[in-house]
Amino acid sequence: MYLFCSLGSQNNLMKKLLLSFLCIILGATLFSQELTMRISGIKQGKGDILIAIFKGESGFPSETSKAVELLRAVPANGKAELTIKTLPAGTYAVSLFQDSNGDGLLNTNFLGIPKEGYGVSNNAFNTFSAPVYKDASFQYPTINQLNMTLKY
């Protein structure tokens, strides 16, 4: 009898653990955040949009080897939209450009001024230098939608 009762209570414990696990999984799925990026001001017929997401100042805005995510968006009618579902909570900044010649690089002139359309989160812009991380950074998931406009 003791063995039977003991097995029954272990069975109930297993059911409770399984139910708890399923609730956690379903809750994470139902309440998971997404980051949506909307990009405008894109020249038509000039190439895809290459996007780099940085978690920290290191490498921002152009050292893509230090980015935590690298993405590509195909523009249509001067706009592009992209949703990311795998980003953990934190502080981030996004840089992007329109890869007009398909070489995967932001091409610049001899002064370092971009020859292709570019942009960053918060539409941060510096007249005589590249945008800085603190101006382009945002808290995710507090901010879960970015509207960015390319500059040419």
Protein backbone atom coordinates (compact mmCIF):
# COMPACT_ATOMS: atom_id res chain seq x y z
CA MET A 1 0.00 0.00 0.00
CA TYR A 2 2.79 2.42 0.92
CA LEU A 3 4.50 1.83 -2.40
CA PHE A 4 1.29 2.54 -4.29
CA CYS A 5 0.64 5.83 -2.38
CA SER A 6 4.21 6.88 -2.84
CA LEU A 7 4.03 6.29 -6.58
CA GLY A 8 0.76 8.19 -6.72
CA SER A 9 2.24 11.25 -5.08
CA GLN A 10 5.28 11.14 -7.37
CA ASN A 11 2.88 10.97 -10.30
CA ASN A 12 1.05 14.07 -8.99
CA LEU A 13 4.37 15.83 -8.55
CA MET A 14 5.33 15.01 -12.13
CA LYS A 15 1.97 16.31 -13.38
CA LYS A 16 2.46 19.56 -11.44
CA LEU A 17 5.99 19.99 -12.78
CA LEU A 18 4.85 19.30 -16.33
CA LEU A 19 1.95 21.75 -15.97
CA SER A 20 4.29 24.41 -14.54
CA PHE A 21 6.74 23.89 -17.38
CA LEU A 22 3.98 24.23 -19.99
CA CYS A 23 2.69 27.42 -18.34
CA ILE A 24 6.18 28.93 -18.44
CA ILE A 25 6.64 28.02 -22.11
CA LEU A 26 3.19 29.28 -23.12
CA GLY A 27 3.60 32.45 -21.08
CA ALA A 28 6.95 33.21 -22.67
CA THR A 29 5.46 32.63 -26.11
CA LEU A 30 2.35 34.71 -25.52
CA PHE A 31 4.15 37.61 -23.89
CA SER A 32 7.38 37.62 -25.88
CA GLN A 33 8.36 40.96 -27.35
CA GLU A 34 9.34 41.71 -30.90
CA LEU A 35 11.41 44.56 -32.26
CA THR A 36 9.87 46.05 -35.40
CA MET A 37 12.01 48.31 -37.60
CA ARG A 38 10.37 50.53 -40.19
CA ILE A 39 12.74 52.14 -42.67
CA SER A 40 11.74 54.94 -45.03
CA GLY A 41 13.46 57.24 -47.52
CA ILE A 42 14.88 54.33 -49.52
CA LYS A 43 15.85 54.94 -53.14
CA GLN A 44 14.09 52.43 -55.33
CA GLY A 45 16.07 49.93 -57.36
CA LYS A 46 19.30 50.70 -55.48
CA GLY A 47 19.84 47.52 -53.43
CA ASP A 48 18.90 45.80 -50.19
CA ILE A 49 19.10 47.34 -46.72
CA LEU A 50 21.84 45.84 -44.53
CA ILE A 51 21.22 46.18 -40.79
CA ALA A 52 23.55 45.74 -37.81
CA ILE A 53 22.34 45.66 -34.20
CA PHE A 54 24.90 46.55 -31.55
CA LYS A 55 24.73 45.88 -27.80
CA GLY A 56 27.26 48.40 -26.53
CA GLU A 57 29.48 51.07 -28.02
CA SER A 58 32.12 48.70 -29.30
CA GLY A 59 32.11 48.75 -33.10
CA PHE A 60 29.10 51.04 -33.52
CA PRO A 61 28.13 52.05 -36.18
CA SER A 62 30.30 50.36 -38.81
CA GLU A 63 32.27 47.40 -37.41
CA THR A 64 29.70 44.74 -38.21
CA SER A 65 31.92 41.99 -36.80
CA LYS A 66 31.02 43.37 -33.34
CA ALA A 67 27.26 43.44 -33.98
CA VAL A 68 25.00 40.98 -32.16
CA GLU A 69 22.66 40.64 -35.16
CA LEU A 70 23.17 41.18 -38.89
CA LEU A 71 20.04 41.36 -41.02
CA ARG A 72 18.91 42.12 -44.55
CA ALA A 73 15.67 43.77 -45.65
CA VAL A 74 14.37 43.96 -49.20
CA PRO A 75 12.80 47.37 -49.84
CA ALA A 76 9.55 47.95 -51.70
CA ASN A 77 8.08 51.32 -52.69
CA GLY A 78 10.77 53.27 -50.84
CA LYS A 79 10.19 51.45 -47.54
CA ALA A 80 11.19 48.31 -45.66
CA GLU A 81 9.95 46.63 -42.52
CA LEU A 82 11.60 43.93 -40.46
CA THR A 83 10.62 42.20 -37.21
CA ILE A 84 13.07 40.48 -34.89
CA LYS A 85 11.83 37.95 -32.35
CA THR A 86 15.10 36.72 -30.82
CA LEU A 87 16.50 39.81 -29.11
CA PRO A 88 17.06 39.60 -25.34
CA ALA A 89 16.22 42.63 -23.19
CA GLY A 90 18.95 45.29 -23.07
CA THR A 91 20.33 48.50 -24.50
CA TYR A 92 20.94 48.48 -28.25
CA ALA A 93 21.65 50.72 -31.24
CA VAL A 94 20.98 49.95 -34.90
CA SER A 95 22.94 51.05 -37.95
CA LEU A 96 21.88 50.39 -41.51
CA PHE A 97 22.61 51.32 -45.09
CA GLN A 98 21.36 50.68 -48.60
CA ASP A 99 23.88 48.45 -50.33
CA SER A 100 23.58 50.10 -53.75
CA ASN A 101 26.33 48.10 -55.45
CA GLY A 102 25.81 44.78 -53.62
CA ASP A 103 29.33 44.59 -52.16
CA GLY A 104 28.17 44.32 -48.51
CA LEU A 105 30.08 47.46 -47.51
CA LEU A 106 29.08 51.05 -46.81
CA ASN A 107 31.05 52.81 -49.54
CA THR A 108 32.48 56.25 -48.72
CA ASN A 109 34.33 58.97 -50.59
CA PHE A 110 37.93 60.01 -49.86
CA LEU A 111 36.70 62.12 -46.88
CA GLY A 112 34.82 59.17 -45.37
CA ILE A 113 31.38 60.55 -46.28
CA PRO A 114 28.96 57.74 -47.23
CA LYS A 115 28.12 57.40 -50.92
CA GLU A 116 25.18 55.10 -50.09
CA GLY A 117 22.08 55.86 -48.03
CA TYR A 118 22.59 55.23 -44.32
CA GLY A 119 20.80 55.64 -41.00
CA VAL A 120 20.78 54.72 -37.32
CA SER A 121 18.21 54.18 -34.61
CA ASN A 122 16.64 57.37 -33.18
CA ASN A 123 17.64 58.95 -36.51
CA ALA A 124 20.72 60.22 -34.67
CA PHE A 125 22.88 62.37 -36.92
CA ASN A 126 26.17 64.24 -36.59
CA THR A 127 27.15 66.79 -39.22
CA PHE A 128 30.90 66.13 -39.29
CA SER A 129 31.26 62.63 -37.84
CA ALA A 130 29.56 59.25 -37.57
CA PRO A 131 26.61 58.97 -35.19
CA VAL A 132 27.51 57.96 -31.62
CA TYR A 133 26.09 55.03 -29.68
CA LYS A 134 24.57 57.06 -26.83
CA ASP A 135 22.50 59.13 -29.28
CA ALA A 136 21.29 56.07 -31.20
CA SER A 137 20.77 53.71 -28.24
CA PHE A 138 17.39 52.54 -26.92
CA GLN A 139 16.10 50.23 -24.21
CA TYR A 140 14.50 47.05 -25.49
CA PRO A 141 11.72 45.91 -24.89
CA THR A 142 10.65 49.31 -23.49
CA ILE A 143 11.12 50.53 -27.06
CA ASN A 144 9.94 47.80 -29.43
CA GLN A 145 9.37 49.82 -32.59
CA LEU A 146 11.95 51.89 -34.48
CA ASN A 147 11.20 54.28 -37.32
CA MET A 148 14.36 55.14 -39.26
CA THR A 149 14.91 57.27 -42.34
CA LEU A 150 17.88 56.85 -44.66
CA LYS A 151 20.06 59.87 -45.44
CA TYR A 152 21.85 60.21 -48.78
